[in-house]
Amino acid sequence: MKHAGKIALVTGGSRGIGKAISMRLAEDGADIILNYKKDSATAAETAREIEALGRKTWVFQADLKDDKAIRGLCKSIKQEVGQLDILVHNAAFGTMGNILRMGLYSWNAAMAINVTALLRMTQHLAPMLGDRNGHIIGLSSIGADMTFSEYACIGVSKAALESLCRYLAFELAPLGIHCNAVSAGPIKTRALDWFQYPHAVDNYSEVKSPLSRVGRPKDLAGIVSFLCTPDADWIVGQTLRADGGISMGENFLDWLEGDEKTEAKAKQATEWESAVERARK
């Protein structure tokens, strides 16, 4: 197993994308430090699932917008675990809404959890990661460089996270620490409920992605696991986009209406079938 003997901290690691990452790293051999904010029952259940794979777990509560809580989390890791190979910053916060009406509390909380928490954890845990040629992964969003309605609070903070990951990569490389970010498109988790019309996000993904579906947590988990292996050591300070091709470009057929769209799609399908048949000959 590619992560045998390693220990990984996954913030927000007990549900959604964080749980998928925790489970995948455990499947690949790592013991897991689970951080959660307040849902202790879900964290305990995820820990049991990880332990059923034969891995060890540590479960620590910490609200990552609170610097005192971050210091306590890092102290517990140093004292109770004593080793760290992988830091995955998945925990996130964001308030949907018009940027002109965005409250300062929501704005500051997004910056604190999505950006500052990674900085502060790295400052405390870098010596442990350096001892193990460790990896840091920040979970970002395509909203960092694309614009979506009511997404400014999250998108701006994720853009800052990507920039932070580049600077961490640049400055920590001499210590043997690798840092990258993974930028995700829409993923089917409870976070989509933040949007005023969650079904519109599903429809957007199904139309825009050539794979014709919204993302799933496991779509990101394998990517994160790979970036924490020696095979990815030449990837430094990069933001790897994993969005099912949503940001790749436009299919103008999607913007036809009614019968035009039906006819064009049918013609395209016929042309594909013909091309495939010729290629087989």
C-alpha atoms as a PDB file:
ATOM      1  CA  MET A   1       0.000   0.000   0.000  1.00  0.00           C
ATOM      2  CA  LYS A   2       1.403   3.348  -1.089  1.00  0.00           C
ATOM      3  CA  HIS A   3       0.785   5.145   2.228  1.00  0.00           C
ATOM      4  CA  ALA A   4       1.726   2.334   4.601  1.00  0.00           C
ATOM      5  CA  GLY A   5       3.355   3.732   7.734  1.00  0.00           C
ATOM      6  CA  LYS A   6       2.100   7.259   7.084  1.00  0.00           C
ATOM      7  CA  ILE A   7      -0.189   9.400   9.210  1.00  0.00           C
ATOM      8  CA  ALA A   8      -2.537  11.932   7.600  1.00  0.00           C
ATOM      9  CA  LEU A   9      -4.476  14.827   9.102  1.00  0.00           C
ATOM     10  CA  VAL A  10      -7.688  15.602   7.225  1.00  0.00           C
ATOM     11  CA  THR A  11      -9.524  18.702   8.397  1.00  0.00           C
ATOM     12  CA  GLY A  12     -13.282  18.377   8.134  1.00  0.00           C
ATOM     13  CA  GLY A  13     -12.472  14.734   7.546  1.00  0.00           C
ATOM     14  CA  SER A  14     -15.566  13.043   8.920  1.00  0.00           C
ATOM     15  CA  ARG A  15     -18.127  13.680   6.169  1.00  0.00           C
ATOM     16  CA  GLY A  16     -18.565  14.624   2.528  1.00  0.00           C
ATOM     17  CA  ILE A  17     -15.387  15.207   0.554  1.00  0.00           C
ATOM     18  CA  GLY A  18     -13.287  15.033   3.712  1.00  0.00           C
ATOM     19  CA  LYS A  19     -14.629  11.596   4.581  1.00  0.00           C
ATOM     20  CA  ALA A  20     -13.989  10.308   1.058  1.00  0.00           C
ATOM     21  CA  ILE A  21     -10.389  11.541   1.302  1.00  0.00           C
ATOM     22  CA  SER A  22      -9.941  10.055   4.781  1.00  0.00           C
ATOM     23  CA  MET A  23     -11.283   6.691   3.634  1.00  0.00           C
ATOM     24  CA  ARG A  24      -9.155   6.635   0.480  1.00  0.00           C
ATOM     25  CA  LEU A  25      -5.948   7.485   2.350  1.00  0.00           C
ATOM     26  CA  ALA A  26      -6.821   4.764   4.867  1.00  0.00           C
ATOM     27  CA  GLU A  27      -7.481   2.264   2.071  1.00  0.00           C
ATOM     28  CA  ASP A  28      -4.064   3.175   0.710  1.00  0.00           C
ATOM     29  CA  GLY A  29      -2.434   2.399   4.073  1.00  0.00           C
ATOM     30  CA  ALA A  30      -2.386   5.627   6.104  1.00  0.00           C
ATOM     31  CA  ASP A  31      -3.525   6.058   9.683  1.00  0.00           C
ATOM     32  CA  ILE A  32      -5.877   9.032   9.969  1.00  0.00           C
ATOM     33  CA  ILE A  33      -6.202  12.062  12.245  1.00  0.00           C
ATOM     34  CA  LEU A  34      -9.793  13.257  11.914  1.00  0.00           C
ATOM     35  CA  ASN A  35     -10.599  16.877  12.679  1.00  0.00           C
ATOM     36  CA  TYR A  36     -14.224  17.907  13.025  1.00  0.00           C
ATOM     37  CA  LYS A  37     -16.009  21.064  14.128  1.00  0.00           C
ATOM     38  CA  LYS A  38     -19.035  19.935  16.162  1.00  0.00           C
ATOM     39  CA  ASP A  39     -20.655  16.696  14.913  1.00  0.00           C
ATOM     40  CA  SER A  40     -18.962  14.210  17.247  1.00  0.00           C
ATOM     41  CA  ALA A  41     -21.318  11.336  16.374  1.00  0.00           C
ATOM     42  CA  THR A  42     -20.473  11.505  12.660  1.00  0.00           C
ATOM     43  CA  ALA A  43     -16.764  11.789  13.455  1.00  0.00           C
ATOM     44  CA  ALA A  44     -16.950   8.710  15.686  1.00  0.00           C
ATOM     45  CA  GLU A  45     -18.775   6.740  12.986  1.00  0.00           C
ATOM     46  CA  THR A  46     -16.176   7.680  10.357  1.00  0.00           C
ATOM     47  CA  ALA A  47     -13.414   6.672  12.764  1.00  0.00           C
ATOM     48  CA  ARG A  48     -15.051   3.252  13.183  1.00  0.00           C
ATOM     49  CA  GLU A  49     -15.208   2.808   9.408  1.00  0.00           C
ATOM     50  CA  ILE A  50     -11.532   3.660   9.088  1.00  0.00           C
ATOM     51  CA  GLU A  51     -10.576   1.310  11.916  1.00  0.00           C
ATOM     52  CA  ALA A  52     -12.544  -1.457  10.183  1.00  0.00           C
ATOM     53  CA  LEU A  53      -9.965  -1.162   7.401  1.00  0.00           C
ATOM     54  CA  GLY A  54      -7.233  -1.958   9.921  1.00  0.00           C
ATOM     55  CA  ARG A  55      -6.062   1.617  10.270  1.00  0.00           C
ATOM     56  CA  LYS A  56      -5.595   3.645  13.438  1.00  0.00           C
ATOM     57  CA  THR A  57      -7.482   6.884  14.060  1.00  0.00           C
ATOM     58  CA  TRP A  58      -7.242   9.930  16.298  1.00  0.00           C
ATOM     59  CA  VAL A  59     -10.268  12.223  16.536  1.00  0.00           C
ATOM     60  CA  PHE A  60      -9.829  15.877  17.510  1.00  0.00           C
ATOM     61  CA  GLN A  61     -12.480  18.573  17.701  1.00  0.00           C
ATOM     62  CA  ALA A  62     -11.419  22.074  16.655  1.00  0.00           C
ATOM     63  CA  ASP A  63     -13.220  25.052  15.170  1.00  0.00           C
ATOM     64  CA  LEU A  64     -10.633  26.232  12.664  1.00  0.00           C
ATOM     65  CA  LYS A  65     -11.723  29.868  12.670  1.00  0.00           C
ATOM     66  CA  ASP A  66     -10.394  30.019  16.248  1.00  0.00           C
ATOM     67  CA  ASP A  67      -6.620  30.351  16.441  1.00  0.00           C
ATOM     68  CA  LYS A  68      -6.585  29.035  20.022  1.00  0.00           C
ATOM     69  CA  ALA A  69      -8.368  25.888  18.817  1.00  0.00           C
ATOM     70  CA  ILE A  70      -5.820  25.482  16.010  1.00  0.00           C
ATOM     71  CA  ARG A  71      -2.959  25.741  18.495  1.00  0.00           C
ATOM     72  CA  GLY A  72      -4.668  23.140  20.677  1.00  0.00           C
ATOM     73  CA  LEU A  73      -5.162  20.801  17.721  1.00  0.00           C
ATOM     74  CA  CYS A  74      -1.521  21.041  16.705  1.00  0.00           C
ATOM     75  CA  LYS A  75      -0.352  20.535  20.293  1.00  0.00           C
ATOM     76  CA  SER A  76      -2.481  17.391  20.581  1.00  0.00           C
ATOM     77  CA  ILE A  77      -1.023  16.042  17.335  1.00  0.00           C
ATOM     78  CA  LYS A  78       2.499  16.644  18.577  1.00  0.00           C
ATOM     79  CA  GLN A  79       1.898  15.097  21.978  1.00  0.00           C
ATOM     80  CA  GLU A  80      -0.546  12.281  21.229  1.00  0.00           C
ATOM     81  CA  VAL A  81       0.450  11.262  17.698  1.00  0.00           C
ATOM     82  CA  GLY A  82       4.054  12.377  17.297  1.00  0.00           C
ATOM     83  CA  GLN A  83       4.209  11.916  13.538  1.00  0.00           C
ATOM     84  CA  LEU A  84       2.672  13.624  10.517  1.00  0.00           C
ATOM     85  CA  ASP A  85       3.195  12.828   6.838  1.00  0.00           C
ATOM     86  CA  ILE A  86       0.172  14.384   5.144  1.00  0.00           C
ATOM     87  CA  LEU A  87      -1.909  17.485   5.853  1.00  0.00           C
ATOM     88  CA  VAL A  88      -5.111  17.803   3.819  1.00  0.00           C
ATOM     89  CA  HIS A  89      -6.983  21.049   4.446  1.00  0.00           C
ATOM     90  CA  ASN A  90     -10.523  20.234   3.405  1.00  0.00           C
ATOM     91  CA  ALA A  91     -12.526  22.098   6.068  1.00  0.00           C
ATOM     92  CA  ALA A  92     -14.317  25.055   4.532  1.00  0.00           C
ATOM     93  CA  PHE A  93     -16.836  27.765   5.296  1.00  0.00           C
ATOM     94  CA  GLY A  94     -18.768  30.134   3.115  1.00  0.00           C
ATOM     95  CA  THR A  95     -21.931  32.212   3.028  1.00  0.00           C
ATOM     96  CA  MET A  96     -23.846  32.545  -0.198  1.00  0.00           C
ATOM     97  CA  GLY A  97     -25.125  35.989  -1.123  1.00  0.00           C
ATOM     98  CA  ASN A  98     -24.755  39.245  -2.965  1.00  0.00           C
ATOM     99  CA  ILE A  99     -21.302  40.707  -2.388  1.00  0.00           C
ATOM    100  CA  LEU A 100     -22.710  44.141  -1.572  1.00  0.00           C
ATOM    101  CA  ARG A 101     -24.711  42.626   1.285  1.00  0.00           C
ATOM    102  CA  MET A 102     -22.012  40.294   2.581  1.00  0.00           C
ATOM    103  CA  GLY A 103     -21.597  40.635   6.331  1.00  0.00           C
ATOM    104  CA  LEU A 104     -18.137  41.074   7.790  1.00  0.00           C
ATOM    105  CA  TYR A 105     -18.557  38.086  10.114  1.00  0.00           C
ATOM    106  CA  SER A 106     -19.199  35.713   7.198  1.00  0.00           C
ATOM    107  CA  TRP A 107     -16.381  37.222   5.135  1.00  0.00           C
ATOM    108  CA  ASN A 108     -13.861  36.973   7.975  1.00  0.00           C
ATOM    109  CA  ALA A 109     -14.964  33.453   8.910  1.00  0.00           C
ATOM    110  CA  ALA A 110     -14.452  32.244   5.328  1.00  0.00           C
ATOM    111  CA  MET A 111     -10.974  33.753   5.210  1.00  0.00           C
ATOM    112  CA  ALA A 112     -10.129  32.356   8.649  1.00  0.00           C
ATOM    113  CA  ILE A 113     -11.205  28.785   7.955  1.00  0.00           C
ATOM    114  CA  ASN A 114     -10.419  28.494   4.245  1.00  0.00           C
ATOM    115  CA  VAL A 115      -7.064  30.296   4.271  1.00  0.00           C
ATOM    116  CA  THR A 116      -5.642  31.348   7.628  1.00  0.00           C
ATOM    117  CA  ALA A 117      -6.220  27.943   9.235  1.00  0.00           C
ATOM    118  CA  LEU A 118      -3.933  26.287   6.691  1.00  0.00           C
ATOM    119  CA  LEU A 119      -1.256  28.924   7.272  1.00  0.00           C
ATOM    120  CA  ARG A 120      -1.409  28.502  11.046  1.00  0.00           C
ATOM    121  CA  MET A 121      -1.437  24.690  10.966  1.00  0.00           C
ATOM    122  CA  THR A 122       1.528  24.708   8.617  1.00  0.00           C
ATOM    123  CA  GLN A 123       3.443  27.090  10.862  1.00  0.00           C
ATOM    124  CA  HIS A 124       2.923  24.741  13.815  1.00  0.00           C
ATOM    125  CA  LEU A 125       3.311  21.403  12.017  1.00  0.00           C
ATOM    126  CA  ALA A 126       5.970  22.099   9.365  1.00  0.00           C
ATOM    127  CA  PRO A 127       8.810  20.584  11.446  1.00  0.00           C
ATOM    128  CA  MET A 128       6.901  17.300  11.732  1.00  0.00           C
ATOM    129  CA  LEU A 129       6.093  17.291   8.018  1.00  0.00           C
ATOM    130  CA  GLY A 130       9.671  18.179   7.130  1.00  0.00           C
ATOM    131  CA  ASP A 131      10.976  15.210   9.108  1.00  0.00           C
ATOM    132  CA  ARG A 132       8.865  12.923   6.909  1.00  0.00           C
ATOM    133  CA  ASN A 133       9.201  14.612   3.485  1.00  0.00           C
ATOM    134  CA  GLY A 134       5.536  15.399   3.915  1.00  0.00           C
ATOM    135  CA  HIS A 135       2.763  16.642   1.675  1.00  0.00           C
ATOM    136  CA  ILE A 136       0.253  19.469   2.080  1.00  0.00           C
ATOM    137  CA  ILE A 137      -2.914  19.576  -0.020  1.00  0.00           C
ATOM    138  CA  GLY A 138      -5.425  22.444  -0.027  1.00  0.00           C
ATOM    139  CA  LEU A 139      -8.930  21.792  -1.356  1.00  0.00           C
ATOM    140  CA  SER A 140     -10.041  24.620  -3.602  1.00  0.00           C
ATOM    141  CA  SER A 141     -12.890  25.361  -6.012  1.00  0.00           C
ATOM    142  CA  ILE A 142     -13.198  26.380  -9.649  1.00  0.00           C
ATOM    143  CA  GLY A 143     -14.947  29.426  -8.184  1.00  0.00           C
ATOM    144  CA  ALA A 144     -11.450  30.705  -7.401  1.00  0.00           C
ATOM    145  CA  ASP A 145     -11.003  31.814 -11.015  1.00  0.00           C
ATOM    146  CA  MET A 146     -14.501  31.487 -12.426  1.00  0.00           C
ATOM    147  CA  THR A 147     -17.429  33.569 -11.214  1.00  0.00           C
ATOM    148  CA  PHE A 148     -20.725  32.118 -10.024  1.00  0.00           C
ATOM    149  CA  SER A 149     -23.787  33.906  -8.692  1.00  0.00           C
ATOM    150  CA  GLU A 150     -23.737  34.530  -4.921  1.00  0.00           C
ATOM    151  CA  TYR A 151     -20.361  32.753  -4.604  1.00  0.00           C
ATOM    152  CA  ALA A 152     -18.012  35.698  -3.986  1.00  0.00           C
ATOM    153  CA  CYS A 153     -17.339  34.971  -0.313  1.00  0.00           C
ATOM    154  CA  ILE A 154     -16.203  31.421  -1.059  1.00  0.00           C
ATOM    155  CA  GLY A 155     -14.587  32.078  -4.422  1.00  0.00           C
ATOM    156  CA  VAL A 156     -12.356  34.900  -3.187  1.00  0.00           C
ATOM    157  CA  SER A 157     -11.210  32.865  -0.177  1.00  0.00           C
ATOM    158  CA  LYS A 158     -10.425  29.866  -2.389  1.00  0.00           C
ATOM    159  CA  ALA A 159      -8.372  32.074  -4.701  1.00  0.00           C
ATOM    160  CA  ALA A 160      -6.401  33.165  -1.641  1.00  0.00           C
ATOM    161  CA  LEU A 161      -5.983  29.514  -0.630  1.00  0.00           C
ATOM    162  CA  GLU A 162      -4.483  28.659  -4.023  1.00  0.00           C
ATOM    163  CA  SER A 163      -2.059  31.559  -3.739  1.00  0.00           C
ATOM    164  CA  LEU A 164      -1.109  30.470  -0.226  1.00  0.00           C
ATOM    165  CA  CYS A 165      -0.427  26.935  -1.466  1.00  0.00           C
ATOM    166  CA  ARG A 166       1.965  28.306  -4.087  1.00  0.00           C
ATOM    167  CA  TYR A 167       3.868  30.324  -1.512  1.00  0.00           C
ATOM    168  CA  LEU A 168       3.973  27.397   0.904  1.00  0.00           C
ATOM    169  CA  ALA A 169       5.302  25.196  -1.884  1.00  0.00           C
ATOM    170  CA  PHE A 170       7.976  27.739  -2.760  1.00  0.00           C
ATOM    171  CA  GLU A 171       9.167  28.302   0.794  1.00  0.00           C
ATOM    172  CA  LEU A 172       8.799  24.771   2.190  1.00  0.00           C
ATOM    173  CA  ALA A 173      10.382  22.853  -0.682  1.00  0.00           C
ATOM    174  CA  PRO A 174      13.879  23.211   0.855  1.00  0.00           C
ATOM    175  CA  LEU A 175      12.491  21.424   3.931  1.00  0.00           C
ATOM    176  CA  GLY A 176      11.352  18.511   1.776  1.00  0.00           C
ATOM    177  CA  ILE A 177       7.661  19.432   2.023  1.00  0.00           C
ATOM    178  CA  HIS A 178       5.483  19.346  -1.094  1.00  0.00           C
ATOM    179  CA  CYS A 179       2.397  21.549  -1.348  1.00  0.00           C
ATOM    180  CA  ASN A 180      -0.311  21.610  -4.010  1.00  0.00           C
ATOM    181  CA  ALA A 181      -4.001  22.404  -4.323  1.00  0.00           C
ATOM    182  CA  VAL A 182      -6.896  20.546  -5.914  1.00  0.00           C
ATOM    183  CA  SER A 183      -9.591  22.708  -7.509  1.00  0.00           C
ATOM    184  CA  ALA A 184     -12.953  20.964  -7.660  1.00  0.00           C
ATOM    185  CA  GLY A 185     -16.051  21.613  -9.667  1.00  0.00           C
ATOM    186  CA  PRO A 186     -19.478  21.075  -8.068  1.00  0.00           C
ATOM    187  CA  ILE A 187     -19.482  17.953  -5.883  1.00  0.00           C
ATOM    188  CA  LYS A 188     -22.670  16.266  -4.687  1.00  0.00           C
ATOM    189  CA  THR A 189     -22.498  16.880  -0.944  1.00  0.00           C
ATOM    190  CA  ARG A 190     -24.564  18.810   1.596  1.00  0.00           C
ATOM    191  CA  ALA A 191     -22.526  21.897   0.676  1.00  0.00           C
ATOM    192  CA  LEU A 192     -24.615  22.252  -2.491  1.00  0.00           C
ATOM    193  CA  ASP A 193     -27.535  23.094  -0.219  1.00  0.00           C
ATOM    194  CA  TRP A 194     -25.807  26.436   0.404  1.00  0.00           C
ATOM    195  CA  PHE A 195     -26.951  27.473  -3.066  1.00  0.00           C
ATOM    196  CA  GLN A 196     -30.385  29.053  -3.415  1.00  0.00           C
ATOM    197  CA  TYR A 197     -31.254  26.574  -6.187  1.00  0.00           C
ATOM    198  CA  PRO A 198     -29.182  23.388  -5.672  1.00  0.00           C
ATOM    199  CA  HIS A 199     -30.883  21.611  -8.566  1.00  0.00           C
ATOM    200  CA  ALA A 200     -29.601  24.359 -10.884  1.00  0.00           C
ATOM    201  CA  VAL A 201     -26.036  23.409  -9.898  1.00  0.00           C
ATOM    202  CA  ASP A 202     -26.801  19.774 -10.768  1.00  0.00           C
ATOM    203  CA  ASN A 203     -28.236  20.826 -14.119  1.00  0.00           C
ATOM    204  CA  TYR A 204     -25.255  23.089 -14.801  1.00  0.00           C
ATOM    205  CA  SER A 205     -22.820  20.236 -14.143  1.00  0.00           C
ATOM    206  CA  GLU A 206     -24.742  17.767 -16.257  1.00  0.00           C
ATOM    207  CA  VAL A 207     -24.830  20.192 -19.194  1.00  0.00           C
ATOM    208  CA  LYS A 208     -21.305  21.596 -18.931  1.00  0.00           C
ATOM    209  CA  SER A 209     -19.351  18.425 -18.181  1.00  0.00           C
ATOM    210  CA  PRO A 210     -18.633  16.134 -21.149  1.00  0.00           C
ATOM    211  CA  LEU A 211     -19.262  13.321 -18.634  1.00  0.00           C
ATOM    212  CA  SER A 212     -22.812  14.669 -18.149  1.00  0.00           C
ATOM    213  CA  ARG A 213     -22.910  14.437 -14.363  1.00  0.00           C
ATOM    214  CA  VAL A 214     -22.123  16.298 -11.164  1.00  0.00           C
ATOM    215  CA  GLY A 215     -18.956  15.334  -9.296  1.00  0.00           C
ATOM    216  CA  ARG A 216     -18.816  12.843  -6.421  1.00  0.00           C
ATOM    217  CA  PRO A 217     -16.548  12.973  -3.356  1.00  0.00           C
ATOM    218  CA  LYS A 218     -14.612   9.910  -4.480  1.00  0.00           C
ATOM    219  CA  ASP A 219     -13.706  11.739  -7.706  1.00  0.00           C
ATOM    220  CA  LEU A 220     -11.368  13.905  -5.622  1.00  0.00           C
ATOM    221  CA  ALA A 221     -10.158  11.331  -3.106  1.00  0.00           C
ATOM    222  CA  GLY A 222      -7.931   9.391  -5.501  1.00  0.00           C
ATOM    223  CA  ILE A 223      -6.378  12.601  -6.818  1.00  0.00           C
ATOM    224  CA  VAL A 224      -5.467  13.735  -3.310  1.00  0.00           C
ATOM    225  CA  SER A 225      -4.004  10.330  -2.500  1.00  0.00           C
ATOM    226  CA  PHE A 226      -1.871  10.398  -5.662  1.00  0.00           C
ATOM    227  CA  LEU A 227      -0.526  13.880  -4.925  1.00  0.00           C
ATOM    228  CA  CYS A 228       0.749  12.565  -1.574  1.00  0.00           C
ATOM    229  CA  THR A 229       2.933   9.872  -3.189  1.00  0.00           C
ATOM    230  CA  PRO A 230       6.530  10.046  -4.449  1.00  0.00           C
ATOM    231  CA  ASP A 231       5.148   9.671  -7.995  1.00  0.00           C
ATOM    232  CA  ALA A 232       3.820  13.231  -7.649  1.00  0.00           C
ATOM    233  CA  ASP A 233       6.947  14.781  -6.143  1.00  0.00           C
ATOM    234  CA  TRP A 234       7.716  16.740  -9.318  1.00  0.00           C
ATOM    235  CA  ILE A 235       4.342  18.481  -9.026  1.00  0.00           C
ATOM    236  CA  VAL A 236       5.153  21.516  -6.897  1.00  0.00           C
ATOM    237  CA  GLY A 237       2.967  24.520  -6.116  1.00  0.00           C
ATOM    238  CA  GLN A 238       0.303  23.614  -8.643  1.00  0.00           C
ATOM    239  CA  THR A 239      -3.475  23.764  -8.593  1.00  0.00           C
ATOM    240  CA  LEU A 240      -4.778  20.593 -10.188  1.00  0.00           C
ATOM    241  CA  ARG A 241      -8.238  21.165 -11.634  1.00  0.00           C
ATOM    242  CA  ALA A 242     -10.672  18.277 -11.211  1.00  0.00           C
ATOM    243  CA  ASP A 243     -14.046  19.430 -12.468  1.00  0.00           C
ATOM    244  CA  GLY A 244     -15.150  16.800 -14.979  1.00  0.00           C
ATOM    245  CA  GLY A 245     -14.198  19.125 -17.832  1.00  0.00           C
ATOM    246  CA  ILE A 246     -16.693  21.835 -16.850  1.00  0.00           C
ATOM    247  CA  SER A 247     -14.186  24.660 -17.347  1.00  0.00           C
ATOM    248  CA  MET A 248     -12.736  23.240 -20.560  1.00  0.00           C
ATOM    249  CA  GLY A 249     -14.894  25.185 -23.000  1.00  0.00           C
ATOM    250  CA  GLU A 250     -18.332  25.500 -24.523  1.00  0.00           C
ATOM    251  CA  ASN A 251     -20.499  23.187 -26.585  1.00  0.00           C
ATOM    252  CA  PHE A 252     -22.600  25.715 -28.448  1.00  0.00           C
ATOM    253  CA  LEU A 253     -25.219  23.057 -29.135  1.00  0.00           C
ATOM    254  CA  ASP A 254     -26.185  23.367 -25.478  1.00  0.00           C
ATOM    255  CA  TRP A 255     -27.500  26.859 -26.162  1.00  0.00           C
ATOM    256  CA  LEU A 256     -29.863  25.903 -28.983  1.00  0.00           C
ATOM    257  CA  GLU A 257     -33.559  25.760 -28.181  1.00  0.00           C
ATOM    258  CA  GLY A 258     -36.321  23.205 -28.609  1.00  0.00           C
ATOM    259  CA  ASP A 259     -36.334  21.235 -31.858  1.00  0.00           C
ATOM    260  CA  GLU A 260     -33.032  22.783 -32.987  1.00  0.00           C
ATOM    261  CA  LYS A 261     -31.258  21.332 -29.985  1.00  0.00           C
ATOM    262  CA  THR A 262     -32.866  17.904 -30.389  1.00  0.00           C
ATOM    263  CA  GLU A 263     -31.990  17.799 -34.074  1.00  0.00           C
ATOM    264  CA  ALA A 264     -28.408  18.944 -33.528  1.00  0.00           C
ATOM    265  CA  LYS A 265     -27.811  16.426 -30.735  1.00  0.00           C
ATOM    266  CA  ALA A 266     -29.210  13.613 -32.875  1.00  0.00           C
ATOM    267  CA  LYS A 267     -26.999  14.639 -35.797  1.00  0.00           C
ATOM    268  CA  GLN A 268     -23.951  14.747 -33.529  1.00  0.00           C
ATOM    269  CA  ALA A 269     -24.712  11.259 -32.177  1.00  0.00           C
ATOM    270  CA  THR A 270     -25.089   9.887 -35.715  1.00  0.00           C
ATOM    271  CA  GLU A 271     -21.781  11.442 -36.773  1.00  0.00           C
ATOM    272  CA  TRP A 272     -20.037   9.913 -33.742  1.00  0.00           C
ATOM    273  CA  GLU A 273     -21.443   6.474 -34.523  1.00  0.00           C
ATOM    274  CA  SER A 274     -20.313   6.792 -38.119  1.00  0.00           C
ATOM    275  CA  ALA A 275     -16.816   7.919 -37.091  1.00  0.00           C
ATOM    276  CA  VAL A 276     -16.446   5.056 -34.619  1.00  0.00           C
ATOM    277  CA  GLU A 277     -17.589   2.535 -37.231  1.00  0.00           C
ATOM    278  CA  ARG A 278     -15.028   3.843 -39.744  1.00  0.00           C
ATOM    279  CA  ALA A 279     -12.287   3.665 -37.114  1.00  0.00           C
ATOM    280  CA  ARG A 280     -13.075   0.005 -36.456  1.00  0.00           C
ATOM    281  CA  LYS A 281     -12.587  -0.964 -40.100  1.00  0.00           C
END
